Amino acid sequence: MASSIWPKSSKVRVARSLSAHSVMGLVISALMFIVCLSGTVAMFEDEIGWWENPVQAPVASVSPEAAQTAARNVMAQQPDTTHLYLYLPRDNWQRFVIGGDDGLETATAAGEMSGGYETPWNDFLIHLHYYLSLPTSFGMIVVAILGVMLVAMAISGFLAHPRIFRDAFRLRRKGQARLVQADLHNRLSVWTAPFTLAVAITGAMIGLFAVVAMVLAQTSFDGDNRALSEAIFGAEGEIDESPAALADVGAALITLEEVAPEASPFLAIVHDPGTASQHTTIYGEHTDRLVYGEMYEFDAGGALVGDSGFTSGEAGKQIAMSTYRLHFGDFGGLAMKVAYFVFGLALCITVAAGLNIYFLKRAEAGRGLPRLEAAWAALVWGSPALLAATLAISLLGAGMVALTGIFWLGALALCALGLAVKDQVKTARWMRLGLGVSLLLAVGVHAVRFAESYQWPHVWAVSACFVVAGLVLVGRPLMGLRDARSTSPHHLASSRP
């Protein structure tokens, strides 16, 4: 027999290599878990963002006259802005937000500016999900790679379990811990497979757009990134900066109602306002389509120039404009948001259970990793606890940069605590308690700071959800409620997100 060309390794070196491999696996799983968790919470980014800074009463609708008033108010405050934005209220987003290059503010139904629009925690959450708090271009690629890995894991999981559909409703809650975790992992994988694949594929598409755009620009547009962008989103043309009266946004809204009554406008943008080149773009939502919205172009007087064809143009445009809503569940109203939230929690549980199975297999073979197992439990329960804690801290005035540092340094500290404790049951219990306390603390701070805003139903609704979740998480350990297997080092609830 020919000798192997691979050098012989000592048992110590092999053990160290396996340990390093386990740590890397833990890091990759942790990043994927954080992306899934932040995306799940971000399902309610609009509701939480509104709750975070409730400085304005709900606005159900805005008249064309009020929209024009708002445009004039923005120009008076930001005369040098190159773009003017009017975010119009929708059924699931009853706010009127206006602004320009120097920032946004909330506005009344009459178009008068009414206060700031700063939501640092919401911004932190979105940046965490989109980019893992990394620089945007690099972070989006990293998240996209995680999306590709999630697709591969979902497909390979199906191929590795030929009985996965036959056993789709077989869920053991008692017995050997590894089998319980395996059933949980496999069943949730089957039940949420369409959601997982849809979210992972669209997430990867969104994340890798920068890479694809760079390649397409080089191969099809002679390296001109702007030409590629104009081919997809349309060109603005040459700019004539000669002064002119502000474009008539109100007239454009009236025209849109006449020519496309099925389109519900949710965003109006005046390009180069106050110049001879100004024109207005209005995004209209088509509730029977998955596209983000049709883009209608109007001249300065409010006459329709054309549309982008996102709802009726080339298939590539329609697909590209449909990925966002499919990924974030931004269709079907509140019911779809709740469904996406539940499926997102199931995906988090699936990721957590997958690594639990690995740890349990090692423990059964006498090669357990109690320190890493406790660190994983700290991450699984500590991440949502840190999200809740940063929410409370943001209400005290912390900005996005501070929240980002607190989250990541806190995650490292909690994992280090798990490594020191070496008891994943105890670690997970502490993290759950911390999550509950942080939720209650956030509501307490919010109630003190925005007491006058509790006259509005949406503020009560969000606070009530946080209070109920917080009481459940705090009450269980304090009342001594334990599952039948609470004394086991592999208690099911100890690492379930």
Protein backbone atom coordinates (compact mmCIF):
# COMPACT_ATOMS: atom_id res chain seq x y z
CA MET A 1 0.00 0.00 0.00
CA ALA A 2 1.35 3.38 -1.01
CA SER A 3 2.11 5.71 1.84
CA SER A 4 0.00 8.81 2.25
CA ILE A 5 1.47 12.09 1.07
CA TRP A 6 -0.33 13.82 3.93
CA PRO A 7 2.05 14.47 6.85
CA LYS A 8 1.37 12.59 10.06
CA SER A 9 -0.10 14.67 12.87
CA SER A 10 0.05 14.16 16.55
CA LYS A 11 -3.12 13.64 18.55
CA VAL A 12 -2.56 16.99 20.21
CA ARG A 13 -2.38 18.75 16.85
CA VAL A 14 -5.48 16.96 15.62
CA ALA A 15 -7.35 17.91 18.80
CA ARG A 16 -6.31 21.52 18.45
CA SER A 17 -7.32 21.58 14.78
CA LEU A 18 -10.73 20.12 15.60
CA SER A 19 -11.15 22.68 18.34
CA ALA A 20 -10.28 25.51 15.94
CA HIS A 21 -12.70 24.03 13.41
CA SER A 22 -15.44 23.99 16.05
CA VAL A 23 -14.77 27.61 16.96
CA MET A 24 -14.98 28.67 13.29
CA GLY A 25 -18.21 26.72 12.91
CA LEU A 26 -19.54 28.49 15.97
CA VAL A 27 -18.59 31.90 14.56
CA ILE A 28 -20.28 31.22 11.18
CA SER A 29 -23.41 29.88 12.90
CA ALA A 30 -23.41 32.89 15.23
CA LEU A 31 -23.27 35.36 12.32
CA MET A 32 -26.04 33.51 10.48
CA PHE A 33 -28.14 33.46 13.64
CA ILE A 34 -27.68 37.21 14.15
CA VAL A 35 -28.68 37.91 10.54
CA CYS A 36 -31.80 35.73 10.92
CA LEU A 37 -32.67 37.24 14.30
CA SER A 38 -32.22 40.86 13.21
CA GLY A 39 -34.24 40.19 10.05
CA THR A 40 -37.04 38.67 12.11
CA VAL A 41 -37.20 41.68 14.42
CA ALA A 42 -36.92 44.01 11.43
CA MET A 43 -40.25 42.68 10.18
CA PHE A 44 -41.73 45.32 12.47
CA GLU A 45 -39.18 48.04 11.78
CA ASP A 46 -41.91 50.51 10.80
CA GLU A 47 -43.94 49.89 13.94
CA ILE A 48 -40.92 49.93 16.26
CA GLY A 49 -39.43 52.97 14.53
CA TRP A 50 -42.68 54.84 14.99
CA TRP A 51 -42.82 53.75 18.64
CA GLU A 52 -39.19 54.76 19.16
CA ASN A 53 -39.89 58.40 18.33
CA PRO A 54 -43.67 59.03 18.46
CA VAL A 55 -43.59 62.79 18.03
CA GLN A 56 -46.51 63.02 15.64
CA ALA A 57 -50.11 61.85 15.69
CA PRO A 58 -51.10 59.27 13.05
CA VAL A 59 -51.74 60.69 9.59
CA ALA A 60 -54.15 58.60 7.55
CA SER A 61 -53.95 60.55 4.29
CA VAL A 62 -52.44 63.66 2.73
CA SER A 63 -54.23 65.85 0.20
CA PRO A 64 -52.43 67.12 -2.93
CA GLU A 65 -52.59 70.64 -1.49
CA ALA A 66 -50.96 69.49 1.77
CA ALA A 67 -48.25 67.68 -0.21
CA GLN A 68 -47.44 70.90 -2.07
CA THR A 69 -47.35 72.80 1.22
CA ALA A 70 -44.94 70.24 2.63
CA ALA A 71 -42.70 70.57 -0.44
CA ARG A 72 -42.55 74.33 -0.01
CA ASN A 73 -41.72 73.94 3.68
CA VAL A 74 -38.82 71.62 2.89
CA MET A 75 -37.44 74.05 0.32
CA ALA A 76 -37.69 76.89 2.81
CA GLN A 77 -35.69 74.91 5.35
CA GLN A 78 -33.24 73.25 2.92
CA PRO A 79 -32.94 75.63 -0.07
CA ASP A 80 -29.84 73.90 -1.46
CA THR A 81 -31.18 70.34 -1.45
CA THR A 82 -30.87 68.44 -4.72
CA HIS A 83 -33.73 66.08 -3.93
CA LEU A 84 -36.96 66.64 -2.05
CA TYR A 85 -38.67 63.63 -0.44
CA LEU A 86 -42.30 63.17 0.60
CA TYR A 87 -43.03 59.81 2.24
CA LEU A 88 -46.80 59.57 2.11
CA PRO A 89 -48.88 57.54 4.59
CA ARG A 90 -50.07 54.05 3.76
CA ASP A 91 -52.52 51.68 5.41
CA ASN A 92 -49.77 50.02 7.46
CA TRP A 93 -47.67 53.17 7.90
CA GLN A 94 -49.76 56.16 8.94
CA ARG A 95 -47.03 58.74 8.96
CA PHE A 96 -46.09 61.71 6.82
CA VAL A 97 -42.32 62.19 6.60
CA ILE A 98 -40.69 64.91 4.52
CA GLY A 99 -37.20 66.27 3.97
CA GLY A 100 -34.21 66.66 1.71
CA ASP A 101 -30.49 65.98 1.56
CA ASP A 102 -29.95 67.33 5.09
CA GLY A 103 -32.43 65.02 6.80
CA LEU A 104 -36.07 64.09 7.31
CA GLU A 105 -38.79 65.29 9.66
CA THR A 106 -42.31 64.22 10.47
CA ALA A 107 -45.15 66.41 9.24
CA THR A 108 -48.80 66.97 10.03
CA ALA A 109 -51.65 66.13 7.67
CA ALA A 110 -51.57 69.79 6.63
CA GLY A 111 -47.92 69.55 5.54
CA GLU A 112 -46.39 71.45 8.45
CA MET A 113 -43.11 70.15 9.89
CA SER A 114 -43.64 68.83 13.40
CA GLY A 115 -40.39 67.42 14.71
CA GLY A 116 -37.40 65.18 14.29
CA TYR A 117 -37.41 61.78 12.71
CA GLU A 118 -34.33 60.32 14.39
CA THR A 119 -34.66 56.60 15.14
CA PRO A 120 -31.12 55.47 16.04
CA TRP A 121 -32.11 52.00 17.25
CA ASN A 122 -34.10 51.28 14.11
CA ASP A 123 -31.15 52.47 12.00
CA PHE A 124 -28.82 50.24 14.03
CA LEU A 125 -31.12 47.24 13.55
CA ILE A 126 -31.35 47.67 9.78
CA HIS A 127 -27.59 48.19 9.45
CA LEU A 128 -27.04 45.06 11.54
CA HIS A 129 -29.28 42.96 9.29
CA TYR A 130 -28.10 44.41 5.98
CA TYR A 131 -24.38 44.64 6.69
CA LEU A 132 -23.64 42.99 10.07
CA SER A 133 -22.51 46.48 11.14
CA LEU A 134 -19.62 46.28 8.65
CA PRO A 135 -18.81 48.86 5.95
CA THR A 136 -21.75 48.72 3.56
CA SER A 137 -20.17 47.24 0.42
CA PHE A 138 -18.19 44.57 2.26
CA GLY A 139 -20.93 43.87 4.78
CA MET A 140 -23.57 43.32 2.13
CA ILE A 141 -21.33 40.77 0.40
CA VAL A 142 -20.75 38.93 3.70
CA VAL A 143 -24.49 38.80 4.39
CA ALA A 144 -25.13 37.67 0.82
CA ILE A 145 -22.63 34.82 1.24
CA LEU A 146 -24.45 33.77 4.39
CA GLY A 147 -27.66 33.78 2.34
CA VAL A 148 -26.06 31.53 -0.27
CA MET A 149 -24.86 29.22 2.52
CA LEU A 150 -28.38 29.09 3.94
CA VAL A 151 -29.77 28.07 0.55
CA ALA A 152 -27.10 25.35 0.26
CA MET A 153 -27.81 24.11 3.78
CA ALA A 154 -31.55 23.94 3.11
CA ILE A 155 -31.09 21.96 -0.12
CA SER A 156 -28.42 19.64 1.29
CA GLY A 157 -30.59 19.05 4.35
CA PHE A 158 -33.42 17.80 2.17
CA LEU A 159 -31.10 15.55 0.20
CA ALA A 160 -29.57 14.15 3.39
CA HIS A 161 -32.95 13.12 4.85
CA PRO A 162 -34.90 10.90 2.40
CA ARG A 163 -37.74 10.46 4.94
CA ILE A 164 -38.03 14.13 5.74
CA PHE A 165 -41.50 14.52 4.22
CA ARG A 166 -42.83 11.21 5.51
CA ASP A 167 -41.80 12.24 9.02
CA ALA A 168 -43.00 15.83 8.59
CA PHE A 169 -45.36 15.60 11.57
CA ARG A 170 -43.23 13.42 13.79
CA LEU A 171 -41.99 15.56 16.67
CA ARG A 172 -40.54 13.88 19.74
CA ARG A 173 -40.64 16.10 22.81
CA LYS A 174 -39.21 13.51 25.19
CA GLY A 175 -36.40 10.99 25.06
CA GLN A 176 -32.82 11.30 23.97
CA ALA A 177 -31.89 14.98 23.80
CA ARG A 178 -30.12 14.72 20.44
CA LEU A 179 -33.17 13.08 18.82
CA VAL A 180 -35.46 15.74 20.27
CA GLN A 181 -33.27 18.47 18.82
CA ALA A 182 -33.00 16.61 15.50
CA ASP A 183 -36.77 16.33 15.23
CA LEU A 184 -37.16 20.02 16.04
CA HIS A 185 -34.53 20.97 13.46
CA ASN A 186 -35.91 18.69 10.73
CA ARG A 187 -39.60 19.44 11.25
CA LEU A 188 -39.16 23.19 11.28
CA SER A 189 -36.93 22.92 8.21
CA VAL A 190 -39.74 21.19 6.32
CA TRP A 191 -42.55 23.41 7.51
CA THR A 192 -40.71 26.63 6.75
CA ALA A 193 -38.84 25.48 3.61
CA PRO A 194 -40.69 27.80 1.15
CA PHE A 195 -40.11 30.77 3.44
CA THR A 196 -36.45 29.89 4.07
CA LEU A 197 -35.65 29.46 0.39
CA ALA A 198 -37.54 32.62 -0.61
CA VAL A 199 -35.85 34.75 2.04
CA ALA A 200 -32.40 33.26 1.53
CA ILE A 201 -32.46 33.50 -2.26
CA THR A 202 -33.82 37.04 -2.36
CA GLY A 203 -31.42 38.10 0.40
CA ALA A 204 -28.50 36.70 -1.56
CA MET A 205 -29.75 38.46 -4.70
CA ILE A 206 -30.03 41.80 -2.91
CA GLY A 207 -26.66 41.38 -1.22
CA LEU A 208 -24.78 40.31 -4.33
CA PHE A 209 -26.26 43.06 -6.46
CA ALA A 210 -23.16 45.16 -5.90
CA VAL A 211 -20.93 42.37 -7.22
CA VAL A 212 -23.23 41.62 -10.15
CA ALA A 213 -23.49 45.33 -10.97
CA MET A 214 -19.72 45.65 -11.04
CA VAL A 215 -19.39 42.70 -13.41
CA LEU A 216 -22.23 43.87 -15.67
CA ALA A 217 -20.82 47.38 -15.80
CA GLN A 218 -17.49 46.01 -16.99
CA THR A 219 -18.90 43.53 -19.50
CA SER A 220 -21.93 45.36 -20.92
CA PHE A 221 -21.49 49.07 -20.22
CA ASP A 222 -17.74 49.61 -20.72
CA GLY A 223 -17.18 50.00 -17.00
CA ASP A 224 -19.77 52.79 -16.66
CA ASN A 225 -21.66 52.13 -13.40
CA ARG A 226 -23.95 55.10 -14.01
CA ALA A 227 -25.01 53.70 -17.39
CA LEU A 228 -25.96 50.44 -15.73
CA SER A 229 -27.96 52.27 -13.07
CA GLU A 230 -29.75 54.32 -15.70
CA ALA A 231 -30.57 51.18 -17.69
CA ILE A 232 -32.33 49.76 -14.64
CA PHE A 233 -33.82 52.81 -12.94
CA GLY A 234 -33.87 55.36 -15.74
CA ALA A 235 -31.73 58.41 -16.48
CA GLU A 236 -32.21 61.90 -15.11
CA GLY A 237 -30.66 63.68 -18.07
CA GLU A 238 -28.73 66.92 -18.17
CA ILE A 239 -29.33 69.44 -15.37
CA ASP A 240 -30.28 73.04 -16.11
CA GLU A 241 -29.78 74.94 -12.85
CA SER A 242 -31.65 78.04 -13.95
CA PRO A 243 -34.06 79.12 -11.15
CA ALA A 244 -37.72 78.18 -11.54
CA ALA A 245 -40.85 77.93 -9.43
CA LEU A 246 -41.07 74.76 -7.36
CA ALA A 247 -42.51 71.76 -9.20
CA ASP A 248 -46.21 71.14 -8.61
CA VAL A 249 -46.23 67.91 -6.60
CA GLY A 250 -49.94 68.29 -5.86
CA ALA A 251 -50.78 68.41 -9.57
CA ALA A 252 -48.67 65.29 -10.15
CA LEU A 253 -50.61 63.43 -7.45
CA ILE A 254 -53.90 64.48 -9.04
CA THR A 255 -52.68 63.34 -12.46
CA LEU A 256 -51.60 59.98 -11.04
CA GLU A 257 -55.08 59.47 -9.56
CA GLU A 258 -56.58 60.11 -12.98
CA VAL A 259 -54.27 57.96 -15.12
CA ALA A 260 -53.52 55.13 -12.65
CA PRO A 261 -56.18 54.99 -9.92
CA GLU A 262 -54.99 51.50 -8.95
CA ALA A 263 -51.59 52.89 -7.88
CA SER A 264 -51.42 54.05 -4.28
CA PRO A 265 -48.67 56.71 -4.02
CA PHE A 266 -46.26 56.27 -1.12
CA LEU A 267 -43.18 58.25 -2.14
CA ALA A 268 -42.77 61.45 -4.15
CA ILE A 269 -39.31 62.73 -5.09
CA VAL A 270 -38.66 66.10 -6.68
CA HIS A 271 -35.32 65.98 -8.49
CA ASP A 272 -33.31 69.21 -8.67
CA PRO A 273 -36.14 71.24 -7.09
CA GLY A 274 -36.33 74.93 -7.90
CA THR A 275 -34.44 74.56 -11.19
CA ALA A 276 -35.45 74.39 -14.84
CA SER A 277 -34.56 70.68 -14.89
CA GLN A 278 -36.79 69.68 -12.01
CA HIS A 279 -39.19 66.81 -12.39
CA THR A 280 -41.18 64.64 -10.01
CA THR A 281 -41.04 60.89 -9.52
CA ILE A 282 -43.90 59.18 -7.70
CA TYR A 283 -43.75 55.57 -6.57
CA GLY A 284 -47.15 53.94 -6.63
CA GLU A 285 -47.90 50.71 -4.80
CA HIS A 286 -49.81 48.04 -6.70
CA THR A 287 -51.27 45.78 -4.04
CA ASP A 288 -51.84 42.94 -6.50
CA ARG A 289 -48.16 42.81 -7.49
CA LEU A 290 -44.95 41.95 -5.67
CA VAL A 291 -42.96 44.78 -7.24
CA TYR A 292 -41.77 47.46 -4.82
CA GLY A 293 -43.78 49.97 -6.80
CA GLU A 294 -44.26 51.45 -10.24
CA MET A 295 -42.25 54.61 -10.84
CA TYR A 296 -44.21 57.39 -12.59
CA GLU A 297 -42.42 60.44 -14.01
CA PHE A 298 -44.01 63.91 -14.18
CA ASP A 299 -42.78 67.23 -15.47
CA ALA A 300 -42.62 70.37 -13.34
CA GLY A 301 -46.27 71.17 -14.07
CA GLY A 302 -47.52 67.75 -12.99
CA ALA A 303 -48.12 66.23 -16.44
CA LEU A 304 -47.32 62.53 -16.84
CA VAL A 305 -44.17 61.86 -18.84
CA GLY A 306 -44.10 58.06 -18.55
CA ASP A 307 -43.47 55.15 -16.24
CA SER A 308 -40.53 52.83 -15.63
CA GLY A 309 -42.27 49.60 -16.62
CA PHE A 310 -41.61 47.86 -13.31
CA THR A 311 -45.10 46.34 -13.44
CA SER A 312 -45.36 45.72 -17.17
CA GLY A 313 -41.85 45.94 -18.61
CA GLU A 314 -39.10 43.40 -19.12
CA ALA A 315 -39.12 40.33 -16.88
CA GLY A 316 -35.73 41.28 -15.45
CA LYS A 317 -37.03 44.61 -14.20
CA GLN A 318 -40.07 43.02 -12.61
CA ILE A 319 -38.00 40.35 -10.89
CA ALA A 320 -35.45 42.86 -9.64
CA MET A 321 -38.17 45.10 -8.22
CA SER A 322 -39.95 42.16 -6.54
CA THR A 323 -37.05 40.85 -4.45
CA TYR A 324 -37.37 43.48 -1.71
CA ARG A 325 -41.03 42.88 -0.87
CA LEU A 326 -40.66 39.11 -1.08
CA HIS A 327 -37.63 39.18 1.22
CA PHE A 328 -39.17 41.45 3.86
CA GLY A 329 -42.79 40.32 3.62
CA ASP A 330 -43.85 43.84 2.71
CA PHE A 331 -47.12 42.69 1.16
CA GLY A 332 -50.37 41.35 2.49
CA GLY A 333 -50.58 43.79 5.40
CA LEU A 334 -50.15 43.01 9.08
CA ALA A 335 -51.12 39.35 8.69
CA MET A 336 -48.18 38.74 6.36
CA LYS A 337 -45.81 40.55 8.71
CA VAL A 338 -46.93 38.33 11.58
CA ALA A 339 -46.52 35.23 9.41
CA TYR A 340 -43.01 36.29 8.38
CA PHE A 341 -42.17 36.98 12.02
CA VAL A 342 -43.30 33.49 13.07
CA PHE A 343 -41.41 31.88 10.19
CA GLY A 344 -38.36 33.96 11.08
CA LEU A 345 -38.47 32.70 14.67
CA ALA A 346 -38.74 29.16 13.32
CA LEU A 347 -35.65 29.77 11.19
CA CYS A 348 -33.75 31.05 14.24
CA ILE A 349 -34.74 27.91 16.14
CA THR A 350 -33.63 25.76 13.23
CA VAL A 351 -30.18 27.39 13.17
CA ALA A 352 -29.83 27.07 16.94
CA ALA A 353 -30.95 23.44 16.96
CA GLY A 354 -28.52 22.57 14.17
CA LEU A 355 -25.51 23.46 16.28
CA ASN A 356 -27.11 21.90 19.36
CA ILE A 357 -27.18 18.57 17.52
CA TYR A 358 -23.46 18.89 16.85
CA PHE A 359 -22.71 19.53 20.52
CA LEU A 360 -24.92 16.64 21.63
CA LYS A 361 -23.25 14.22 19.24
CA ARG A 362 -19.88 15.14 20.66
CA ALA A 363 -21.14 14.75 24.21
CA GLU A 364 -22.54 11.29 23.43
CA ALA A 365 -19.15 10.30 22.02
CA GLY A 366 -17.41 11.49 25.18
CA ARG A 367 -15.90 14.52 23.45
CA GLY A 368 -18.20 17.21 24.78
CA LEU A 369 -17.47 20.92 24.47
CA PRO A 370 -19.23 22.40 27.50
CA ARG A 371 -17.51 25.77 27.21
CA LEU A 372 -18.45 26.28 23.56
CA GLU A 373 -21.93 24.92 24.24
CA ALA A 374 -22.43 27.51 26.99
CA ALA A 375 -21.02 30.23 24.71
CA TRP A 376 -23.53 29.22 22.03
CA ALA A 377 -26.39 29.40 24.55
CA ALA A 378 -25.14 32.85 25.58
CA LEU A 379 -25.18 33.98 21.96
CA VAL A 380 -28.60 32.50 21.16
CA TRP A 381 -30.33 34.13 24.11
CA GLY A 382 -27.88 36.98 24.65
CA SER A 383 -28.36 38.45 21.14
CA PRO A 384 -32.07 39.23 21.62
CA ALA A 385 -31.27 40.41 25.15
CA LEU A 386 -28.72 42.84 23.72
CA LEU A 387 -31.20 44.05 21.11
CA ALA A 388 -33.67 44.81 23.89
CA ALA A 389 -30.97 46.42 26.03
CA THR A 390 -29.78 48.66 23.19
CA LEU A 391 -33.40 49.67 22.57
CA ALA A 392 -33.67 50.87 26.17
CA ILE A 393 -30.31 52.64 25.90
CA SER A 394 -31.30 54.37 22.65
CA LEU A 395 -34.33 55.86 24.40
CA LEU A 396 -31.88 57.47 26.83
CA GLY A 397 -30.18 59.28 23.95
CA ALA A 398 -27.49 56.91 22.63
CA GLY A 399 -26.71 57.13 18.92
CA MET A 400 -26.29 54.43 16.30
CA VAL A 401 -22.49 54.18 16.67
CA ALA A 402 -22.76 53.70 20.43
CA LEU A 403 -25.49 51.09 20.02
CA THR A 404 -23.38 49.16 17.52
CA GLY A 405 -20.42 49.09 19.91
CA ILE A 406 -22.58 48.06 22.84
CA PHE A 407 -24.12 45.20 20.89
CA TRP A 408 -20.93 43.65 19.55
CA LEU A 409 -18.83 44.19 22.66
CA GLY A 410 -21.73 42.88 24.71
CA ALA A 411 -21.99 39.78 22.51
CA LEU A 412 -18.29 39.05 23.02
CA ALA A 413 -18.63 39.61 26.77
CA LEU A 414 -21.64 37.29 27.05
CA CYS A 415 -19.91 34.55 25.06
CA ALA A 416 -16.87 34.92 27.31
CA LEU A 417 -19.19 34.59 30.29
CA GLY A 418 -20.55 31.36 28.82
CA LEU A 419 -17.03 30.04 28.33
CA ALA A 420 -16.27 30.78 31.97
CA VAL A 421 -19.49 29.36 33.40
CA LYS A 422 -19.35 26.12 31.34
CA ASP A 423 -23.04 25.53 32.06
CA GLN A 424 -25.31 26.21 29.13
CA VAL A 425 -28.55 25.73 31.14
CA LYS A 426 -27.56 28.33 33.72
CA THR A 427 -26.17 30.67 31.04
CA ALA A 428 -29.34 30.48 28.95
CA ARG A 429 -31.49 31.09 32.03
CA TRP A 430 -29.56 34.26 32.86
CA MET A 431 -29.81 35.48 29.27
CA ARG A 432 -33.58 34.92 29.17
CA LEU A 433 -33.94 36.83 32.39
CA GLY A 434 -31.82 39.64 30.94
CA LEU A 435 -34.00 39.72 27.81
CA GLY A 436 -37.18 40.04 29.86
CA VAL A 437 -35.77 42.74 32.14
CA SER A 438 -34.46 44.72 29.15
CA LEU A 439 -37.86 44.66 27.44
CA LEU A 440 -39.60 45.90 30.58
CA LEU A 441 -36.93 48.54 31.10
CA ALA A 442 -37.33 49.78 27.52
CA VAL A 443 -41.08 50.20 28.02
CA GLY A 444 -40.50 51.96 31.34
CA VAL A 445 -38.06 54.46 29.84
CA HIS A 446 -40.35 54.99 26.86
CA ALA A 447 -43.41 55.59 29.07
CA VAL A 448 -41.55 58.25 31.02
CA ARG A 449 -40.09 59.99 27.99
CA PHE A 450 -43.17 59.84 25.74
CA ALA A 451 -46.02 59.76 28.24
CA GLU A 452 -48.13 62.13 26.13
CA SER A 453 -47.89 59.78 23.13
CA TYR A 454 -49.78 56.98 24.87
CA GLN A 455 -53.00 58.54 23.64
CA TRP A 456 -52.34 56.83 20.30
CA PRO A 457 -53.23 53.13 19.82
CA HIS A 458 -50.05 52.14 17.97
CA VAL A 459 -47.90 53.21 20.94
CA TRP A 460 -50.00 51.18 23.34
CA ALA A 461 -49.90 48.16 21.04
CA VAL A 462 -46.11 48.01 20.75
CA SER A 463 -45.59 48.65 24.46
CA ALA A 464 -48.14 45.97 25.38
CA CYS A 465 -46.34 43.39 23.21
CA PHE A 466 -43.02 44.21 24.88
CA VAL A 467 -44.55 44.05 28.37
CA VAL A 468 -46.22 40.68 27.79
CA ALA A 469 -43.02 39.18 26.37
CA GLY A 470 -40.96 40.68 29.19
CA LEU A 471 -43.25 39.37 31.93
CA VAL A 472 -43.24 35.88 30.45
CA LEU A 473 -39.45 35.82 30.22
CA VAL A 474 -38.95 37.25 33.71
CA GLY A 475 -41.80 35.42 35.41
CA ARG A 476 -40.81 31.91 34.44
CA PRO A 477 -37.43 31.74 36.18
CA LEU A 478 -38.57 33.87 39.12
CA MET A 479 -41.61 31.65 39.77
CA GLY A 480 -39.47 28.57 39.57
CA LEU A 481 -41.24 27.10 36.57
CA ARG A 482 -39.11 24.43 34.97
CA ASP A 483 -39.68 21.87 32.27
CA ALA A 484 -39.46 18.22 33.21
CA ARG A 485 -35.95 18.04 31.78
CA SER A 486 -34.64 21.25 33.34
CA THR A 487 -31.94 19.38 35.21
CA SER A 488 -30.51 18.01 31.97
CA PRO A 489 -27.53 19.87 30.46
CA HIS A 490 -29.35 19.64 27.13
CA HIS A 491 -32.73 21.03 28.10
CA LEU A 492 -34.64 21.89 24.94
CA ALA A 493 -35.53 25.43 25.93
CA SER A 494 -32.01 26.28 27.00
CA SER A 495 -30.87 27.12 23.51
CA ARG A 496 -34.07 27.72 21.62
CA PRO A 497 -34.22 31.32 20.32
